[in-house]
Amino acid sequence: MIYGYGKHEGKKLPKFDEYQQDLYNICMATKTLNIALDERLVKKIDQAVKQSLGSRSEYFRRLALADLERRSRWAELFRAGQSVGREMGITSEQQVYDILDG
């Protein structure tokens, strides 16, 4: 697929020729992914993109980054919980429930 990168000031950029596309891909260190989505979902994504995000690629890039950040925070929270559990001498999930039930 040969394409320009998004829109600039409301103007569509010209399409890249194959050489320009190759250079763009190398410089951006990007990887193209193919995904299958329900048509209704694609329409909703396109509406969101049209309102503020710029491109489908940017939408999925932001989505992926947000998900990775969320996963990182959950992992950090679980590590902290395990540390506190060790300090309290908790060795089972049942002990946690017993403490919560008081």
C-alpha atoms as a PDB file:
ATOM      1  CA  MET A   1       0.000   0.000   0.000  1.00  0.00           C
ATOM      2  CA  ILE A   2       1.347   3.414  -0.889  1.00  0.00           C
ATOM      3  CA  TYR A   3       0.133   6.401   1.089  1.00  0.00           C
ATOM      4  CA  GLY A   4       1.028   9.793   2.480  1.00  0.00           C
ATOM      5  CA  TYR A   5       1.132  10.381   6.227  1.00  0.00           C
ATOM      6  CA  GLY A   6      -2.193  11.794   7.430  1.00  0.00           C
ATOM      7  CA  LYS A   7      -3.404  15.313   6.781  1.00  0.00           C
ATOM      8  CA  HIS A   8      -1.677  18.618   7.345  1.00  0.00           C
ATOM      9  CA  GLU A   9      -3.700  21.758   8.017  1.00  0.00           C
ATOM     10  CA  GLY A  10      -6.770  20.185   6.428  1.00  0.00           C
ATOM     11  CA  LYS A  11      -4.936  19.386   3.187  1.00  0.00           C
ATOM     12  CA  LYS A  12      -4.375  15.830   2.040  1.00  0.00           C
ATOM     13  CA  LEU A  13      -0.727  15.039   1.445  1.00  0.00           C
ATOM     14  CA  PRO A  14       0.282  13.598  -1.921  1.00  0.00           C
ATOM     15  CA  LYS A  15       0.718   9.847  -2.120  1.00  0.00           C
ATOM     16  CA  PHE A  16       4.236   8.510  -1.754  1.00  0.00           C
ATOM     17  CA  ASP A  17       5.853   6.617  -4.591  1.00  0.00           C
ATOM     18  CA  GLU A  18       7.312   3.212  -3.671  1.00  0.00           C
ATOM     19  CA  TYR A  19      10.790   4.622  -2.957  1.00  0.00           C
ATOM     20  CA  GLN A  20       9.420   7.351  -0.698  1.00  0.00           C
ATOM     21  CA  GLN A  21       7.224   4.801   1.083  1.00  0.00           C
ATOM     22  CA  ASP A  22      10.217   2.555   1.726  1.00  0.00           C
ATOM     23  CA  LEU A  23      12.213   5.487   3.106  1.00  0.00           C
ATOM     24  CA  TYR A  24       9.313   6.551   5.310  1.00  0.00           C
ATOM     25  CA  ASN A  25       8.907   3.031   6.701  1.00  0.00           C
ATOM     26  CA  ILE A  26      12.621   2.712   7.429  1.00  0.00           C
ATOM     27  CA  CYS A  27      12.889   6.126   9.089  1.00  0.00           C
ATOM     28  CA  MET A  28       9.757   5.650  11.168  1.00  0.00           C
ATOM     29  CA  ALA A  29      10.753   2.099  12.184  1.00  0.00           C
ATOM     30  CA  THR A  30       7.132   1.091  11.860  1.00  0.00           C
ATOM     31  CA  LYS A  31       5.546  -2.295  11.410  1.00  0.00           C
ATOM     32  CA  THR A  32       2.360  -2.658   9.393  1.00  0.00           C
ATOM     33  CA  LEU A  33      -0.341  -4.812  10.967  1.00  0.00           C
ATOM     34  CA  ASN A  34      -3.470  -6.249   9.408  1.00  0.00           C
ATOM     35  CA  ILE A  35      -6.451  -6.663  11.716  1.00  0.00           C
ATOM     36  CA  ALA A  36     -10.019  -7.774  11.109  1.00  0.00           C
ATOM     37  CA  LEU A  37     -12.759  -5.686  12.725  1.00  0.00           C
ATOM     38  CA  ASP A  38     -16.526  -5.642  12.517  1.00  0.00           C
ATOM     39  CA  GLU A  39     -17.741  -3.058  10.009  1.00  0.00           C
ATOM     40  CA  ARG A  40     -19.819  -1.249  12.650  1.00  0.00           C
ATOM     41  CA  LEU A  41     -16.775  -0.956  14.903  1.00  0.00           C
ATOM     42  CA  VAL A  42     -14.691   0.443  12.046  1.00  0.00           C
ATOM     43  CA  LYS A  43     -17.356   3.093  11.401  1.00  0.00           C
ATOM     44  CA  LYS A  44     -17.315   4.121  15.066  1.00  0.00           C
ATOM     45  CA  ILE A  45     -13.516   4.265  15.066  1.00  0.00           C
ATOM     46  CA  ASP A  46     -13.558   6.366  11.906  1.00  0.00           C
ATOM     47  CA  GLN A  47     -16.013   8.789  13.544  1.00  0.00           C
ATOM     48  CA  ALA A  48     -13.718   9.141  16.558  1.00  0.00           C
ATOM     49  CA  VAL A  49     -10.706   9.602  14.298  1.00  0.00           C
ATOM     50  CA  LYS A  50     -12.505  12.224  12.253  1.00  0.00           C
ATOM     51  CA  GLN A  51     -13.334  14.235  15.395  1.00  0.00           C
ATOM     52  CA  SER A  52      -9.850  14.539  16.840  1.00  0.00           C
ATOM     53  CA  LEU A  53      -7.260  11.826  16.383  1.00  0.00           C
ATOM     54  CA  GLY A  54      -6.023  12.281  12.851  1.00  0.00           C
ATOM     55  CA  SER A  55      -5.705   8.728  11.518  1.00  0.00           C
ATOM     56  CA  ARG A  56      -6.588   5.134  12.248  1.00  0.00           C
ATOM     57  CA  SER A  57      -2.910   4.469  12.866  1.00  0.00           C
ATOM     58  CA  GLU A  58      -2.760   7.214  15.480  1.00  0.00           C
ATOM     59  CA  TYR A  59      -5.935   5.864  17.099  1.00  0.00           C
ATOM     60  CA  PHE A  60      -4.517   2.374  17.446  1.00  0.00           C
ATOM     61  CA  ARG A  61      -1.096   3.726  18.484  1.00  0.00           C
ATOM     62  CA  ARG A  62      -2.701   5.693  21.318  1.00  0.00           C
ATOM     63  CA  LEU A  63      -4.890   2.735  22.251  1.00  0.00           C
ATOM     64  CA  ALA A  64      -1.880   0.416  22.411  1.00  0.00           C
ATOM     65  CA  LEU A  65       0.175   2.883  24.461  1.00  0.00           C
ATOM     66  CA  ALA A  66      -2.694   3.420  26.918  1.00  0.00           C
ATOM     67  CA  ASP A  67      -3.170  -0.346  27.292  1.00  0.00           C
ATOM     68  CA  LEU A  68       0.546  -0.938  27.869  1.00  0.00           C
ATOM     69  CA  GLU A  69       0.614   1.844  30.482  1.00  0.00           C
ATOM     70  CA  ARG A  70      -2.458   0.373  32.215  1.00  0.00           C
ATOM     71  CA  ARG A  71      -0.872  -3.077  32.287  1.00  0.00           C
ATOM     72  CA  SER A  72       2.343  -1.625  33.698  1.00  0.00           C
ATOM     73  CA  ARG A  73       0.463   0.147  36.496  1.00  0.00           C
ATOM     74  CA  TRP A  74      -1.478  -3.021  37.381  1.00  0.00           C
ATOM     75  CA  ALA A  75       1.780  -5.021  37.483  1.00  0.00           C
ATOM     76  CA  GLU A  76       3.290  -2.386  39.775  1.00  0.00           C
ATOM     77  CA  LEU A  77       0.220  -2.515  42.033  1.00  0.00           C
ATOM     78  CA  PHE A  78       0.361  -6.325  42.246  1.00  0.00           C
ATOM     79  CA  ARG A  79       4.088  -6.204  43.085  1.00  0.00           C
ATOM     80  CA  ALA A  80       3.395  -3.696  45.854  1.00  0.00           C
ATOM     81  CA  GLY A  81       0.538  -5.864  47.169  1.00  0.00           C
ATOM     82  CA  GLN A  82       2.733  -8.954  47.180  1.00  0.00           C
ATOM     83  CA  SER A  83       5.427  -7.054  49.059  1.00  0.00           C
ATOM     84  CA  VAL A  84       2.977  -5.868  51.714  1.00  0.00           C
ATOM     85  CA  GLY A  85       1.536  -9.384  51.937  1.00  0.00           C
ATOM     86  CA  ARG A  86       5.003 -10.855  52.588  1.00  0.00           C
ATOM     87  CA  GLU A  87       5.679  -8.217  55.260  1.00  0.00           C
ATOM     88  CA  MET A  88       2.382  -9.140  56.952  1.00  0.00           C
ATOM     89  CA  GLY A  89       3.122 -12.858  56.718  1.00  0.00           C
ATOM     90  CA  ILE A  90       0.178 -13.546  54.419  1.00  0.00           C
ATOM     91  CA  THR A  91       0.635 -16.808  52.544  1.00  0.00           C
ATOM     92  CA  SER A  92      -2.815 -17.424  51.057  1.00  0.00           C
ATOM     93  CA  GLU A  93      -5.710 -15.635  49.459  1.00  0.00           C
ATOM     94  CA  GLN A  94      -7.971 -16.949  52.234  1.00  0.00           C
ATOM     95  CA  GLN A  95      -5.923 -15.040  54.804  1.00  0.00           C
ATOM     96  CA  VAL A  96      -6.627 -11.832  52.865  1.00  0.00           C
ATOM     97  CA  TYR A  97     -10.370 -12.551  52.951  1.00  0.00           C
ATOM     98  CA  ASP A  98     -10.190 -13.325  56.669  1.00  0.00           C
ATOM     99  CA  ILE A  99      -8.446  -9.982  57.321  1.00  0.00           C
ATOM    100  CA  LEU A 100     -11.032  -8.114  55.234  1.00  0.00           C
ATOM    101  CA  ASP A 101     -13.938  -9.829  56.987  1.00  0.00           C
ATOM    102  CA  GLY A 102     -12.352  -8.769  60.289  1.00  0.00           C
END
